[in-house]
Amino acid sequence: MIKALQDKLTGKHAPSILENQRGQYIMLLILAFIWGSSFVLMKKGLQSFSANQVAGLRIFTTFLLFLPFTFRILHKLNRKNLTFLLIVGFIGNGIPAILFTTGQTEISSALAGILNSLTPLSTLLVGLALFKTSTGWKNILGVFIGLSGTVGLILNGEGLFLTGNLWFALFIITATICYALSTNIIKEKLQGLDGFSVAALSFFLIGPWAGVYLLTSNFTTAMAADGALSNFGFIVLLAFFSSFLAVILFNMLIKFTTSLFASSVTYIIPVFAIFWGLADGETIKLGQFIWVGVILFGIYLVNQKIKKS
């Protein structure tokens, strides 16, 4: 069963889905839906555990989920890709998990959503500065249109979002830079590995460190508190969907598109947050639909292929 699932994620099925633009947009929407739900799960986890514990539990649980598969692909880990996988593991997954939970302890989810949408811009800048990535003017324009659409969407739904200790916004901004570096490295330096292997091996390298941290924290005491078990369950769901499944899909998407297009998933996350609110009895304004259209147009431009002269 394990081998069958791994074959589906690493075999010929993945290219057939992602070779065309329709499949790429579907994958983008799936990722946005998953990550759009992660903020609620993190909020639940923070009711019983500290920010670092939520991040540690998320990473360690994801490590355990990957472990049965990882043993089959350990031969792919070598001296050539070790450094890049460590960067993807720590900078692309571990550190952002801590930064996001820490940032959300002091700033509103609306502000976190706006700042998270800086990821494509960070990806563009890091790609140009460190990897000399080829980018067309339409792609650059799409980045800024998508960002303006996200800001407009959130501001249209939230009257007050500049609340709390705004210095904690720096944690979210730093996380977007971490994502940008990791995304570009996967695209430029780990082309020899499929998306599943990148995810599994990177968590294999950081998972034990998260386990050691949990053992040295007051995790057992926190688990004994009322409601901790159910909140622990929310963190397990967070690990399975937002890290185990979503990271595999995201890495696959990077392989078949561009790092810039894959990172534009952050523009759609607030869209799903609004629809979660609708399901919870909230109303949607006409202006929000307009901003959703702006976002989608921006993503369309980001995914335009560069014409070679």
C-alpha atoms as a PDB file:
ATOM      1  CA  MET A   1       0.000   0.000   0.000  1.00  0.00           C
ATOM      2  CA  ILE A   2       2.819   2.417   0.925  1.00  0.00           C
ATOM      3  CA  LYS A   3       4.637   1.678  -2.328  1.00  0.00           C
ATOM      4  CA  ALA A   4       1.437   2.141  -4.347  1.00  0.00           C
ATOM      5  CA  LEU A   5       0.800   5.578  -2.820  1.00  0.00           C
ATOM      6  CA  GLN A   6       4.404   6.609  -3.339  1.00  0.00           C
ATOM      7  CA  ASP A   7       4.259   5.488  -6.983  1.00  0.00           C
ATOM      8  CA  LYS A   8       1.177   7.655  -7.548  1.00  0.00           C
ATOM      9  CA  LEU A   9       2.957  10.693  -6.110  1.00  0.00           C
ATOM     10  CA  THR A  10       6.264  10.177  -7.885  1.00  0.00           C
ATOM     11  CA  GLY A  11       5.300   8.276 -11.011  1.00  0.00           C
ATOM     12  CA  LYS A  12       3.717   9.089 -14.348  1.00  0.00           C
ATOM     13  CA  HIS A  13       0.399  10.232 -12.846  1.00  0.00           C
ATOM     14  CA  ALA A  14       1.787  13.551 -11.603  1.00  0.00           C
ATOM     15  CA  PRO A  15       3.073  14.851 -14.961  1.00  0.00           C
ATOM     16  CA  SER A  16      -0.205  13.964 -16.712  1.00  0.00           C
ATOM     17  CA  ILE A  17      -2.043  16.212 -14.254  1.00  0.00           C
ATOM     18  CA  LEU A  18       0.375  19.125 -14.218  1.00  0.00           C
ATOM     19  CA  GLU A  19       1.615  19.283 -17.793  1.00  0.00           C
ATOM     20  CA  ASN A  20      -1.324  21.480 -18.833  1.00  0.00           C
ATOM     21  CA  GLN A  21      -2.390  24.831 -17.398  1.00  0.00           C
ATOM     22  CA  ARG A  22      -5.817  23.593 -16.360  1.00  0.00           C
ATOM     23  CA  GLY A  23      -4.256  21.008 -14.071  1.00  0.00           C
ATOM     24  CA  GLN A  24      -1.862  23.608 -12.692  1.00  0.00           C
ATOM     25  CA  TYR A  25      -4.698  25.965 -11.755  1.00  0.00           C
ATOM     26  CA  ILE A  26      -6.658  23.110 -10.164  1.00  0.00           C
ATOM     27  CA  MET A  27      -3.608  22.202  -8.070  1.00  0.00           C
ATOM     28  CA  LEU A  28      -3.228  25.842  -7.070  1.00  0.00           C
ATOM     29  CA  LEU A  29      -6.838  25.950  -5.881  1.00  0.00           C
ATOM     30  CA  ILE A  30      -6.437  22.720  -3.914  1.00  0.00           C
ATOM     31  CA  LEU A  31      -3.364  24.113  -2.163  1.00  0.00           C
ATOM     32  CA  ALA A  32      -5.114  27.393  -1.395  1.00  0.00           C
ATOM     33  CA  PHE A  33      -8.049  25.504   0.117  1.00  0.00           C
ATOM     34  CA  ILE A  34      -5.760  23.406   2.324  1.00  0.00           C
ATOM     35  CA  TRP A  35      -3.542  26.274   3.477  1.00  0.00           C
ATOM     36  CA  GLY A  36      -6.534  28.586   3.830  1.00  0.00           C
ATOM     37  CA  SER A  37      -7.844  26.192   6.478  1.00  0.00           C
ATOM     38  CA  SER A  38      -4.525  25.968   8.336  1.00  0.00           C
ATOM     39  CA  PHE A  39      -4.972  29.281  10.187  1.00  0.00           C
ATOM     40  CA  VAL A  40      -8.049  27.920  11.965  1.00  0.00           C
ATOM     41  CA  LEU A  41      -6.203  24.737  12.948  1.00  0.00           C
ATOM     42  CA  MET A  42      -3.220  26.721  14.256  1.00  0.00           C
ATOM     43  CA  LYS A  43      -5.574  28.908  16.294  1.00  0.00           C
ATOM     44  CA  LYS A  44      -7.096  25.785  17.873  1.00  0.00           C
ATOM     45  CA  GLY A  45      -3.671  24.366  18.697  1.00  0.00           C
ATOM     46  CA  LEU A  46      -2.565  27.612  20.357  1.00  0.00           C
ATOM     47  CA  GLN A  47      -5.403  27.256  22.880  1.00  0.00           C
ATOM     48  CA  SER A  48      -3.483  24.478  24.636  1.00  0.00           C
ATOM     49  CA  PHE A  49       0.122  24.735  23.450  1.00  0.00           C
ATOM     50  CA  SER A  50       2.742  27.444  22.983  1.00  0.00           C
ATOM     51  CA  ALA A  51       3.623  28.757  19.530  1.00  0.00           C
ATOM     52  CA  ASN A  52       6.865  26.760  19.462  1.00  0.00           C
ATOM     53  CA  GLN A  53       5.074  23.600  20.619  1.00  0.00           C
ATOM     54  CA  VAL A  54       2.437  23.894  17.886  1.00  0.00           C
ATOM     55  CA  ALA A  55       5.225  24.311  15.311  1.00  0.00           C
ATOM     56  CA  GLY A  56       7.234  21.459  16.832  1.00  0.00           C
ATOM     57  CA  LEU A  57       4.241  19.113  16.916  1.00  0.00           C
ATOM     58  CA  ARG A  58       3.393  19.994  13.330  1.00  0.00           C
ATOM     59  CA  ILE A  59       6.921  19.260  12.105  1.00  0.00           C
ATOM     60  CA  PHE A  60       7.440  16.092  14.160  1.00  0.00           C
ATOM     61  CA  THR A  61       4.036  14.660  13.187  1.00  0.00           C
ATOM     62  CA  THR A  62       4.766  15.350   9.514  1.00  0.00           C
ATOM     63  CA  PHE A  63       8.148  13.635   9.933  1.00  0.00           C
ATOM     64  CA  LEU A  64       6.378  10.540  11.306  1.00  0.00           C
ATOM     65  CA  LEU A  65       3.835  10.572   8.466  1.00  0.00           C
ATOM     66  CA  PHE A  66       6.624  10.605   5.892  1.00  0.00           C
ATOM     67  CA  LEU A  67       8.823   8.046   7.677  1.00  0.00           C
ATOM     68  CA  PRO A  68       7.363   4.832   6.158  1.00  0.00           C
ATOM     69  CA  PHE A  69       7.946   6.303   2.687  1.00  0.00           C
ATOM     70  CA  THR A  70      11.318   7.874   3.481  1.00  0.00           C
ATOM     71  CA  PHE A  71      13.079   4.574   4.123  1.00  0.00           C
ATOM     72  CA  ARG A  72      12.401   3.623   0.499  1.00  0.00           C
ATOM     73  CA  ILE A  73      14.055   6.747  -0.914  1.00  0.00           C
ATOM     74  CA  LEU A  74      16.988   7.298   1.463  1.00  0.00           C
ATOM     75  CA  HIS A  75      19.323   6.251  -1.345  1.00  0.00           C
ATOM     76  CA  LYS A  76      18.427   9.539  -3.080  1.00  0.00           C
ATOM     77  CA  LEU A  77      20.008  11.517  -0.242  1.00  0.00           C
ATOM     78  CA  ASN A  78      23.620  12.271  -1.132  1.00  0.00           C
ATOM     79  CA  ARG A  79      26.393  14.764  -0.531  1.00  0.00           C
ATOM     80  CA  LYS A  80      25.366  16.782  -3.597  1.00  0.00           C
ATOM     81  CA  ASN A  81      21.796  17.522  -2.474  1.00  0.00           C
ATOM     82  CA  LEU A  82      22.203  17.334   1.320  1.00  0.00           C
ATOM     83  CA  THR A  83      22.865  21.055   1.804  1.00  0.00           C
ATOM     84  CA  PHE A  84      19.918  22.100  -0.358  1.00  0.00           C
ATOM     85  CA  LEU A  85      17.560  19.655   1.366  1.00  0.00           C
ATOM     86  CA  LEU A  86      18.666  21.002   4.749  1.00  0.00           C
ATOM     87  CA  ILE A  87      17.855  24.534   3.574  1.00  0.00           C
ATOM     88  CA  VAL A  88      14.440  23.437   2.282  1.00  0.00           C
ATOM     89  CA  GLY A  89      13.779  21.555   5.528  1.00  0.00           C
ATOM     90  CA  PHE A  90      14.800  24.218   8.017  1.00  0.00           C
ATOM     91  CA  ILE A  91      14.238  27.441   6.055  1.00  0.00           C
ATOM     92  CA  GLY A  92      11.299  26.293   3.924  1.00  0.00           C
ATOM     93  CA  ASN A  93       9.361  24.304   6.536  1.00  0.00           C
ATOM     94  CA  GLY A  94      10.749  24.405  10.073  1.00  0.00           C
ATOM     95  CA  ILE A  95      11.503  28.086  10.656  1.00  0.00           C
ATOM     96  CA  PRO A  96       8.325  29.419   8.915  1.00  0.00           C
ATOM     97  CA  ALA A  97       6.174  27.112  11.068  1.00  0.00           C
ATOM     98  CA  ILE A  98       7.631  28.781  14.171  1.00  0.00           C
ATOM     99  CA  LEU A  99       7.468  32.286  12.688  1.00  0.00           C
ATOM    100  CA  PHE A 100       3.794  31.993  11.723  1.00  0.00           C
ATOM    101  CA  THR A 101       2.585  30.641  15.055  1.00  0.00           C
ATOM    102  CA  THR A 102       4.632  33.256  16.904  1.00  0.00           C
ATOM    103  CA  GLY A 103       3.380  36.100  14.705  1.00  0.00           C
ATOM    104  CA  GLN A 104      -0.255  35.069  15.093  1.00  0.00           C
ATOM    105  CA  THR A 105      -0.038  35.341  18.858  1.00  0.00           C
ATOM    106  CA  GLU A 106       0.094  39.151  18.563  1.00  0.00           C
ATOM    107  CA  ILE A 107      -1.316  40.289  15.197  1.00  0.00           C
ATOM    108  CA  SER A 108      -4.686  39.821  13.513  1.00  0.00           C
ATOM    109  CA  SER A 109      -5.304  37.081  10.945  1.00  0.00           C
ATOM    110  CA  ALA A 110      -6.189  39.806   8.408  1.00  0.00           C
ATOM    111  CA  LEU A 111      -2.759  41.406   8.717  1.00  0.00           C
ATOM    112  CA  ALA A 112      -1.116  37.973   8.633  1.00  0.00           C
ATOM    113  CA  GLY A 113      -3.014  37.266   5.398  1.00  0.00           C
ATOM    114  CA  ILE A 114      -1.808  40.492   3.778  1.00  0.00           C
ATOM    115  CA  LEU A 115       1.794  39.878   4.812  1.00  0.00           C
ATOM    116  CA  ASN A 116       1.661  36.239   3.701  1.00  0.00           C
ATOM    117  CA  SER A 117       0.762  37.524   0.246  1.00  0.00           C
ATOM    118  CA  LEU A 118       4.219  39.083   0.015  1.00  0.00           C
ATOM    119  CA  THR A 119       5.542  35.583  -0.748  1.00  0.00           C
ATOM    120  CA  PRO A 120       5.368  35.873  -4.587  1.00  0.00           C
ATOM    121  CA  LEU A 121       7.088  39.276  -4.432  1.00  0.00           C
ATOM    122  CA  SER A 122       9.776  37.819  -2.161  1.00  0.00           C
ATOM    123  CA  THR A 123      10.101  34.860  -4.537  1.00  0.00           C
ATOM    124  CA  LEU A 124      10.516  37.203  -7.498  1.00  0.00           C
ATOM    125  CA  LEU A 125      13.184  39.306  -5.763  1.00  0.00           C
ATOM    126  CA  VAL A 126      15.130  36.323  -4.411  1.00  0.00           C
ATOM    127  CA  GLY A 127      14.984  34.621  -7.807  1.00  0.00           C
ATOM    128  CA  LEU A 128      16.309  37.703  -9.595  1.00  0.00           C
ATOM    129  CA  ALA A 129      18.994  38.479  -6.997  1.00  0.00           C
ATOM    130  CA  LEU A 130      20.378  35.020  -6.218  1.00  0.00           C
ATOM    131  CA  PHE A 131      19.386  32.736  -9.079  1.00  0.00           C
ATOM    132  CA  LYS A 132      19.202  35.114 -12.078  1.00  0.00           C
ATOM    133  CA  THR A 133      15.724  33.778 -12.832  1.00  0.00           C
ATOM    134  CA  SER A 134      14.246  34.787 -16.195  1.00  0.00           C
ATOM    135  CA  THR A 135      11.044  36.756 -15.628  1.00  0.00           C
ATOM    136  CA  GLY A 136       8.855  38.598 -18.126  1.00  0.00           C
ATOM    137  CA  TRP A 137       7.164  41.945 -17.586  1.00  0.00           C
ATOM    138  CA  LYS A 138       3.743  40.251 -17.525  1.00  0.00           C
ATOM    139  CA  ASN A 139       4.884  38.007 -14.666  1.00  0.00           C
ATOM    140  CA  ILE A 140       6.144  40.988 -12.670  1.00  0.00           C
ATOM    141  CA  LEU A 141       2.941  42.942 -13.354  1.00  0.00           C
ATOM    142  CA  GLY A 142       0.932  39.896 -12.250  1.00  0.00           C
ATOM    143  CA  VAL A 143       2.779  39.788  -8.924  1.00  0.00           C
ATOM    144  CA  PHE A 144       1.796  43.352  -8.081  1.00  0.00           C
ATOM    145  CA  ILE A 145      -1.782  42.995  -9.381  1.00  0.00           C
ATOM    146  CA  GLY A 146      -2.260  39.837  -7.313  1.00  0.00           C
ATOM    147  CA  LEU A 147      -0.803  41.521  -4.226  1.00  0.00           C
ATOM    148  CA  SER A 148      -3.053  44.580  -4.635  1.00  0.00           C
ATOM    149  CA  GLY A 149      -6.061  42.288  -5.078  1.00  0.00           C
ATOM    150  CA  THR A 150      -5.276  40.439  -1.842  1.00  0.00           C
ATOM    151  CA  VAL A 151      -4.810  43.675   0.113  1.00  0.00           C
ATOM    152  CA  GLY A 152      -8.052  45.068  -1.328  1.00  0.00           C
ATOM    153  CA  LEU A 153      -9.939  41.855  -0.563  1.00  0.00           C
ATOM    154  CA  ILE A 154      -8.870  41.789   3.076  1.00  0.00           C
ATOM    155  CA  LEU A 155      -9.373  45.518   3.644  1.00  0.00           C
ATOM    156  CA  ASN A 156     -12.838  45.258   2.122  1.00  0.00           C
ATOM    157  CA  GLY A 157     -13.789  42.650   4.671  1.00  0.00           C
ATOM    158  CA  GLU A 158     -11.901  43.896   7.719  1.00  0.00           C
ATOM    159  CA  GLY A 159     -12.392  47.360   9.119  1.00  0.00           C
ATOM    160  CA  LEU A 160      -9.622  47.132  11.683  1.00  0.00           C
ATOM    161  CA  PHE A 161      -6.629  44.934  11.141  1.00  0.00           C
ATOM    162  CA  LEU A 162      -3.712  46.971  12.508  1.00  0.00           C
ATOM    163  CA  THR A 163      -4.203  45.658  16.027  1.00  0.00           C
ATOM    164  CA  GLY A 164      -1.874  43.995  18.495  1.00  0.00           C
ATOM    165  CA  ASN A 165       1.906  44.301  18.643  1.00  0.00           C
ATOM    166  CA  LEU A 166       2.783  45.231  15.059  1.00  0.00           C
ATOM    167  CA  TRP A 167       6.448  44.341  15.602  1.00  0.00           C
ATOM    168  CA  PHE A 168       5.280  40.730  15.355  1.00  0.00           C
ATOM    169  CA  ALA A 169       4.471  41.400  11.692  1.00  0.00           C
ATOM    170  CA  LEU A 170       8.217  41.008  11.121  1.00  0.00           C
ATOM    171  CA  PHE A 171       7.881  37.294  11.900  1.00  0.00           C
ATOM    172  CA  ILE A 172       5.450  36.848   8.986  1.00  0.00           C
ATOM    173  CA  ILE A 173       7.574  38.949   6.619  1.00  0.00           C
ATOM    174  CA  THR A 174      10.643  36.880   7.508  1.00  0.00           C
ATOM    175  CA  ALA A 175       8.643  33.704   6.847  1.00  0.00           C
ATOM    176  CA  THR A 176       7.801  34.891   3.312  1.00  0.00           C
ATOM    177  CA  ILE A 177      11.518  35.406   2.618  1.00  0.00           C
ATOM    178  CA  CYS A 178      12.200  31.883   3.918  1.00  0.00           C
ATOM    179  CA  TYR A 179       9.517  30.491   1.612  1.00  0.00           C
ATOM    180  CA  ALA A 180      10.983  32.442  -1.302  1.00  0.00           C
ATOM    181  CA  LEU A 181      14.483  31.066  -0.774  1.00  0.00           C
ATOM    182  CA  SER A 182      13.234  27.507  -0.373  1.00  0.00           C
ATOM    183  CA  THR A 183      10.954  27.684  -3.433  1.00  0.00           C
ATOM    184  CA  ASN A 184      13.748  28.953  -5.660  1.00  0.00           C
ATOM    185  CA  ILE A 185      16.159  26.290  -4.398  1.00  0.00           C
ATOM    186  CA  ILE A 186      13.659  23.506  -5.164  1.00  0.00           C
ATOM    187  CA  LYS A 187      13.203  24.874  -8.672  1.00  0.00           C
ATOM    188  CA  GLU A 188      16.837  25.634  -9.449  1.00  0.00           C
ATOM    189  CA  LYS A 189      18.902  23.188  -7.377  1.00  0.00           C
ATOM    190  CA  LEU A 190      16.781  20.078  -6.766  1.00  0.00           C
ATOM    191  CA  GLN A 191      15.511  19.305 -10.257  1.00  0.00           C
ATOM    192  CA  GLY A 192      16.921  15.792  -9.934  1.00  0.00           C
ATOM    193  CA  LEU A 193      14.403  14.948  -7.196  1.00  0.00           C
ATOM    194  CA  ASP A 194      10.632  14.645  -7.579  1.00  0.00           C
ATOM    195  CA  GLY A 195       8.346  16.715  -5.344  1.00  0.00           C
ATOM    196  CA  PHE A 196       7.555  13.798  -3.032  1.00  0.00           C
ATOM    197  CA  SER A 197      11.231  13.003  -2.399  1.00  0.00           C
ATOM    198  CA  VAL A 198      12.071  16.652  -1.671  1.00  0.00           C
ATOM    199  CA  ALA A 199       9.275  16.824   0.907  1.00  0.00           C
ATOM    200  CA  ALA A 200      10.038  13.463   2.545  1.00  0.00           C
ATOM    201  CA  LEU A 201      13.802  13.917   2.762  1.00  0.00           C
ATOM    202  CA  SER A 202      13.609  17.524   3.997  1.00  0.00           C
ATOM    203  CA  PHE A 203      11.294  16.522   6.849  1.00  0.00           C
ATOM    204  CA  PHE A 204      13.523  13.522   7.579  1.00  0.00           C
ATOM    205  CA  LEU A 205      16.344  15.982   8.251  1.00  0.00           C
ATOM    206  CA  ILE A 206      14.377  18.337  10.531  1.00  0.00           C
ATOM    207  CA  GLY A 207      11.852  16.031  12.221  1.00  0.00           C
ATOM    208  CA  PRO A 208      14.169  14.597  14.897  1.00  0.00           C
ATOM    209  CA  TRP A 209      15.160  18.116  15.988  1.00  0.00           C
ATOM    210  CA  ALA A 210      11.487  18.956  16.543  1.00  0.00           C
ATOM    211  CA  GLY A 211      11.107  15.758  18.601  1.00  0.00           C
ATOM    212  CA  VAL A 212      14.068  16.680  20.813  1.00  0.00           C
ATOM    213  CA  TYR A 213      12.587  20.132  21.408  1.00  0.00           C
ATOM    214  CA  LEU A 214       9.213  18.695  22.438  1.00  0.00           C
ATOM    215  CA  LEU A 215      10.888  16.368  24.944  1.00  0.00           C
ATOM    216  CA  THR A 216      12.700  19.301  26.552  1.00  0.00           C
ATOM    217  CA  SER A 217       9.575  21.499  26.728  1.00  0.00           C
ATOM    218  CA  ASN A 218       6.602  21.191  29.083  1.00  0.00           C
ATOM    219  CA  PHE A 219       4.670  19.304  26.406  1.00  0.00           C
ATOM    220  CA  THR A 220       3.534  16.492  28.740  1.00  0.00           C
ATOM    221  CA  THR A 221       2.187  19.039  31.229  1.00  0.00           C
ATOM    222  CA  ALA A 222       0.305  20.882  28.479  1.00  0.00           C
ATOM    223  CA  MET A 223      -1.183  17.598  27.234  1.00  0.00           C
ATOM    224  CA  ALA A 224      -2.664  16.940  30.688  1.00  0.00           C
ATOM    225  CA  ALA A 225      -4.765  20.124  30.619  1.00  0.00           C
ATOM    226  CA  ASP A 226      -8.478  20.137  29.783  1.00  0.00           C
ATOM    227  CA  GLY A 227      -9.181  20.240  26.063  1.00  0.00           C
ATOM    228  CA  ALA A 228      -5.556  19.542  25.146  1.00  0.00           C
ATOM    229  CA  LEU A 229      -6.298  16.204  23.511  1.00  0.00           C
ATOM    230  CA  SER A 230      -8.827  17.657  21.062  1.00  0.00           C
ATOM    231  CA  ASN A 231      -6.504  20.573  20.271  1.00  0.00           C
ATOM    232  CA  PHE A 232      -3.689  18.070  19.734  1.00  0.00           C
ATOM    233  CA  GLY A 233      -5.988  16.409  17.202  1.00  0.00           C
ATOM    234  CA  PHE A 234      -6.318  19.718  15.331  1.00  0.00           C
ATOM    235  CA  ILE A 235      -2.516  19.941  15.139  1.00  0.00           C
ATOM    236  CA  VAL A 236      -2.361  16.402  13.716  1.00  0.00           C
ATOM    237  CA  LEU A 237      -4.858  17.484  11.043  1.00  0.00           C
ATOM    238  CA  LEU A 238      -2.708  20.563  10.427  1.00  0.00           C
ATOM    239  CA  ALA A 239       0.354  18.353   9.964  1.00  0.00           C
ATOM    240  CA  PHE A 240      -1.385  15.892   7.647  1.00  0.00           C
ATOM    241  CA  PHE A 241      -3.110  18.371   5.346  1.00  0.00           C
ATOM    242  CA  SER A 242      -0.972  21.542   5.510  1.00  0.00           C
ATOM    243  CA  SER A 243       2.462  19.916   5.713  1.00  0.00           C
ATOM    244  CA  PHE A 244       2.396  16.276   4.611  1.00  0.00           C
ATOM    245  CA  LEU A 245      -0.085  16.534   1.723  1.00  0.00           C
ATOM    246  CA  ALA A 246       0.225  20.197   0.760  1.00  0.00           C
ATOM    247  CA  VAL A 247       4.031  20.282   0.731  1.00  0.00           C
ATOM    248  CA  ILE A 248       4.112  17.276  -1.620  1.00  0.00           C
ATOM    249  CA  LEU A 249       1.610  18.924  -3.979  1.00  0.00           C
ATOM    250  CA  PHE A 250       3.393  22.287  -3.769  1.00  0.00           C
ATOM    251  CA  ASN A 251       6.775  20.755  -4.618  1.00  0.00           C
ATOM    252  CA  MET A 252       5.203  18.923  -7.552  1.00  0.00           C
ATOM    253  CA  LEU A 253       3.674  22.180  -8.790  1.00  0.00           C
ATOM    254  CA  ILE A 254       7.049  23.933  -8.638  1.00  0.00           C
ATOM    255  CA  LYS A 255       8.557  21.207 -10.830  1.00  0.00           C
ATOM    256  CA  PHE A 256       6.026  21.720 -13.627  1.00  0.00           C
ATOM    257  CA  THR A 257       5.513  25.486 -13.469  1.00  0.00           C
ATOM    258  CA  THR A 258       7.666  28.276 -12.058  1.00  0.00           C
ATOM    259  CA  SER A 259       8.550  29.125  -8.477  1.00  0.00           C
ATOM    260  CA  LEU A 260       6.701  32.425  -8.979  1.00  0.00           C
ATOM    261  CA  PHE A 261       3.452  30.790 -10.087  1.00  0.00           C
ATOM    262  CA  ALA A 262       3.549  28.203  -7.295  1.00  0.00           C
ATOM    263  CA  SER A 263       4.079  30.903  -4.658  1.00  0.00           C
ATOM    264  CA  SER A 264       1.032  32.817  -5.976  1.00  0.00           C
ATOM    265  CA  VAL A 265      -1.089  30.349  -3.995  1.00  0.00           C
ATOM    266  CA  THR A 266      -0.838  32.881  -1.148  1.00  0.00           C
ATOM    267  CA  TYR A 267      -3.068  35.248  -3.128  1.00  0.00           C
ATOM    268  CA  ILE A 268      -5.945  32.755  -3.140  1.00  0.00           C
ATOM    269  CA  ILE A 269      -5.744  31.762   0.530  1.00  0.00           C
ATOM    270  CA  PRO A 270      -7.764  34.842   1.707  1.00  0.00           C
ATOM    271  CA  VAL A 271     -10.423  33.978  -0.901  1.00  0.00           C
ATOM    272  CA  PHE A 272     -11.039  30.654   0.805  1.00  0.00           C
ATOM    273  CA  ALA A 273     -10.943  32.359   4.188  1.00  0.00           C
ATOM    274  CA  ILE A 274     -13.900  34.486   3.039  1.00  0.00           C
ATOM    275  CA  PHE A 275     -15.843  31.437   1.890  1.00  0.00           C
ATOM    276  CA  TRP A 276     -15.155  29.772   5.248  1.00  0.00           C
ATOM    277  CA  GLY A 277     -16.733  32.859   6.790  1.00  0.00           C
ATOM    278  CA  LEU A 278     -19.729  32.535   4.463  1.00  0.00           C
ATOM    279  CA  ALA A 279     -20.210  28.941   5.616  1.00  0.00           C
ATOM    280  CA  ASP A 280     -20.125  30.263   9.185  1.00  0.00           C
ATOM    281  CA  GLY A 281     -23.005  32.691   8.502  1.00  0.00           C
ATOM    282  CA  GLU A 282     -21.055  35.789   7.443  1.00  0.00           C
ATOM    283  CA  THR A 283     -22.050  37.878   4.409  1.00  0.00           C
ATOM    284  CA  ILE A 284     -19.926  38.581   1.343  1.00  0.00           C
ATOM    285  CA  LYS A 285     -19.811  42.081  -0.139  1.00  0.00           C
ATOM    286  CA  LEU A 286     -19.928  42.803  -3.867  1.00  0.00           C
ATOM    287  CA  GLY A 287     -16.560  44.545  -3.619  1.00  0.00           C
ATOM    288  CA  GLN A 288     -14.967  41.317  -2.397  1.00  0.00           C
ATOM    289  CA  PHE A 289     -15.994  39.523  -5.603  1.00  0.00           C
ATOM    290  CA  ILE A 290     -14.341  42.303  -7.606  1.00  0.00           C
ATOM    291  CA  TRP A 291     -11.078  41.910  -5.694  1.00  0.00           C
ATOM    292  CA  VAL A 292     -11.226  38.127  -6.230  1.00  0.00           C
ATOM    293  CA  GLY A 293     -11.354  38.856  -9.963  1.00  0.00           C
ATOM    294  CA  VAL A 294      -8.291  41.109  -9.630  1.00  0.00           C
ATOM    295  CA  ILE A 295      -6.411  38.319  -7.853  1.00  0.00           C
ATOM    296  CA  LEU A 296      -7.277  35.751 -10.510  1.00  0.00           C
ATOM    297  CA  PHE A 297      -6.170  38.119 -13.277  1.00  0.00           C
ATOM    298  CA  GLY A 298      -2.864  38.672 -11.485  1.00  0.00           C
ATOM    299  CA  ILE A 299      -2.281  34.916 -11.184  1.00  0.00           C
ATOM    300  CA  TYR A 300      -3.105  34.491 -14.870  1.00  0.00           C
ATOM    301  CA  LEU A 301      -0.336  36.984 -15.737  1.00  0.00           C
ATOM    302  CA  VAL A 302       2.108  35.326 -13.328  1.00  0.00           C
ATOM    303  CA  ASN A 303       1.654  32.007 -15.160  1.00  0.00           C
ATOM    304  CA  GLN A 304       2.298  33.451 -18.621  1.00  0.00           C
ATOM    305  CA  LYS A 305       5.265  31.745 -20.264  1.00  0.00           C
ATOM    306  CA  ILE A 306       8.195  33.913 -21.321  1.00  0.00           C
ATOM    307  CA  LYS A 307       8.628  34.046 -25.074  1.00  0.00           C
ATOM    308  CA  LYS A 308      12.172  33.177 -26.081  1.00  0.00           C
ATOM    309  CA  SER A 309      13.649  35.397 -28.754  1.00  0.00           C
END
